[in-house]
């Protein structure tokens, strides 16, 4: 197994230690878990991005409805 040395500030090391799922978990495991969490293995499609843009424009224009209203119309409340 190849290894390397990484310089960390003491405050960063303390934060990483606090993220361990077990006191004996290796720092490599903690960092790998964090890196996996930061990686999106299902990026948004162009269509999804455009839907989000349209939604944001609707919000900016005030074209919104309260959740209670929508739930009532759907018979959920």
C-alpha atoms as a PDB file:
ATOM      1  CA  UNK A   1       0.000   0.000   0.000  1.00  0.00           C
ATOM      2  CA  UNK A   2       1.357   3.397  -0.983  1.00  0.00           C
ATOM      3  CA  UNK A   3       1.300   6.014   1.743  1.00  0.00           C
ATOM      4  CA  UNK A   4       1.962   9.711   2.016  1.00  0.00           C
ATOM      5  CA  UNK A   5       2.319  12.295   4.737  1.00  0.00           C
ATOM      6  CA  UNK A   6      -0.176  15.144   4.995  1.00  0.00           C
ATOM      7  CA  UNK A   7       0.413  18.247   7.096  1.00  0.00           C
ATOM      8  CA  UNK A   8      -2.640  19.348   9.057  1.00  0.00           C
ATOM      9  CA  UNK A   9      -3.257  22.146  11.482  1.00  0.00           C
ATOM     10  CA  UNK A  10      -3.977  20.839  14.962  1.00  0.00           C
ATOM     11  CA  UNK A  11      -7.491  22.269  14.732  1.00  0.00           C
ATOM     12  CA  UNK A  12      -8.137  20.327  11.499  1.00  0.00           C
ATOM     13  CA  UNK A  13      -6.805  17.113  13.010  1.00  0.00           C
ATOM     14  CA  UNK A  14      -9.066  17.621  16.022  1.00  0.00           C
ATOM     15  CA  UNK A  15     -12.085  18.088  13.729  1.00  0.00           C
ATOM     16  CA  UNK A  16     -11.201  14.944  11.785  1.00  0.00           C
ATOM     17  CA  UNK A  17     -10.768  13.007  15.028  1.00  0.00           C
ATOM     18  CA  UNK A  18     -14.274  14.120  15.979  1.00  0.00           C
ATOM     19  CA  UNK A  19     -15.644  12.612  12.759  1.00  0.00           C
ATOM     20  CA  UNK A  20     -14.393   9.123  13.500  1.00  0.00           C
ATOM     21  CA  UNK A  21     -17.149   6.525  13.718  1.00  0.00           C
ATOM     22  CA  UNK A  22     -14.972   4.524  16.087  1.00  0.00           C
ATOM     23  CA  UNK A  23     -12.005   5.709  18.175  1.00  0.00           C
ATOM     24  CA  UNK A  24      -9.791   3.184  16.366  1.00  0.00           C
ATOM     25  CA  UNK A  25     -10.866   4.274  12.860  1.00  0.00           C
ATOM     26  CA  UNK A  26      -7.869   5.275  10.754  1.00  0.00           C
ATOM     27  CA  UNK A  27      -7.472   8.822   9.507  1.00  0.00           C
ATOM     28  CA  UNK A  28      -7.337   7.372   5.973  1.00  0.00           C
ATOM     29  CA  UNK A  29     -10.787   5.879   6.499  1.00  0.00           C
ATOM     30  CA  UNK A  30     -12.184   9.180   7.810  1.00  0.00           C
ATOM     31  CA  UNK A  31     -10.777  11.152   4.866  1.00  0.00           C
ATOM     32  CA  UNK A  32     -11.921   8.532   2.333  1.00  0.00           C
ATOM     33  CA  UNK A  33     -15.458   8.624   3.795  1.00  0.00           C
ATOM     34  CA  UNK A  34     -15.528  12.431   3.582  1.00  0.00           C
ATOM     35  CA  UNK A  35     -14.215  12.366   0.004  1.00  0.00           C
ATOM     36  CA  UNK A  36     -16.915   9.851  -0.979  1.00  0.00           C
ATOM     37  CA  UNK A  37     -19.581  12.071   0.563  1.00  0.00           C
ATOM     38  CA  UNK A  38     -18.322  15.040  -1.451  1.00  0.00           C
ATOM     39  CA  UNK A  39     -18.405  13.143  -4.734  1.00  0.00           C
ATOM     40  CA  UNK A  40     -21.710  13.172  -6.621  1.00  0.00           C
ATOM     41  CA  UNK A  41     -22.015   9.866  -8.447  1.00  0.00           C
ATOM     42  CA  UNK A  42     -25.354  10.980  -9.936  1.00  0.00           C
ATOM     43  CA  UNK A  43     -24.821  14.487 -11.342  1.00  0.00           C
ATOM     44  CA  UNK A  44     -27.861  16.485 -12.395  1.00  0.00           C
ATOM     45  CA  UNK A  45     -28.987  16.199 -16.006  1.00  0.00           C
ATOM     46  CA  UNK A  46     -29.365  19.265 -18.222  1.00  0.00           C
ATOM     47  CA  UNK A  47     -33.141  18.889 -17.937  1.00  0.00           C
ATOM     48  CA  UNK A  48     -32.969  18.841 -14.120  1.00  0.00           C
ATOM     49  CA  UNK A  49     -30.748  21.924 -14.079  1.00  0.00           C
ATOM     50  CA  UNK A  50     -33.178  23.762 -16.368  1.00  0.00           C
ATOM     51  CA  UNK A  51     -36.116  22.714 -14.153  1.00  0.00           C
ATOM     52  CA  UNK A  52     -34.293  24.162 -11.153  1.00  0.00           C
ATOM     53  CA  UNK A  53     -33.628  27.408 -13.028  1.00  0.00           C
ATOM     54  CA  UNK A  54     -37.316  27.704 -13.950  1.00  0.00           C
ATOM     55  CA  UNK A  55     -38.303  27.009 -10.361  1.00  0.00           C
ATOM     56  CA  UNK A  56     -35.973  29.715  -9.072  1.00  0.00           C
ATOM     57  CA  UNK A  57     -37.467  32.190 -11.539  1.00  0.00           C
ATOM     58  CA  UNK A  58     -40.952  31.250 -10.295  1.00  0.00           C
ATOM     59  CA  UNK A  59     -39.867  31.852  -6.699  1.00  0.00           C
ATOM     60  CA  UNK A  60     -38.295  35.201  -7.577  1.00  0.00           C
ATOM     61  CA  UNK A  61     -41.494  36.227  -9.366  1.00  0.00           C
ATOM     62  CA  UNK A  62     -43.609  35.240  -6.373  1.00  0.00           C
ATOM     63  CA  UNK A  63     -45.290  32.322  -8.135  1.00  0.00           C
ATOM     64  CA  UNK A  64     -45.350  30.117  -5.050  1.00  0.00           C
ATOM     65  CA  UNK A  65     -47.975  28.366  -2.932  1.00  0.00           C
ATOM     66  CA  UNK A  66     -47.972  27.384   0.704  1.00  0.00           C
ATOM     67  CA  UNK A  67     -47.379  23.716   1.428  1.00  0.00           C
ATOM     68  CA  UNK A  68     -50.531  23.567   3.561  1.00  0.00           C
ATOM     69  CA  UNK A  69     -52.584  24.769   0.586  1.00  0.00           C
ATOM     70  CA  UNK A  70     -51.112  22.143  -1.733  1.00  0.00           C
ATOM     71  CA  UNK A  71     -51.569  19.399   0.864  1.00  0.00           C
ATOM     72  CA  UNK A  72     -55.208  20.400   1.386  1.00  0.00           C
ATOM     73  CA  UNK A  73     -55.872  20.296  -2.371  1.00  0.00           C
ATOM     74  CA  UNK A  74     -54.323  16.835  -2.534  1.00  0.00           C
ATOM     75  CA  UNK A  75     -56.487  15.649   0.342  1.00  0.00           C
ATOM     76  CA  UNK A  76     -53.527  15.156   2.644  1.00  0.00           C
ATOM     77  CA  UNK A  77     -54.837  17.454   5.381  1.00  0.00           C
END
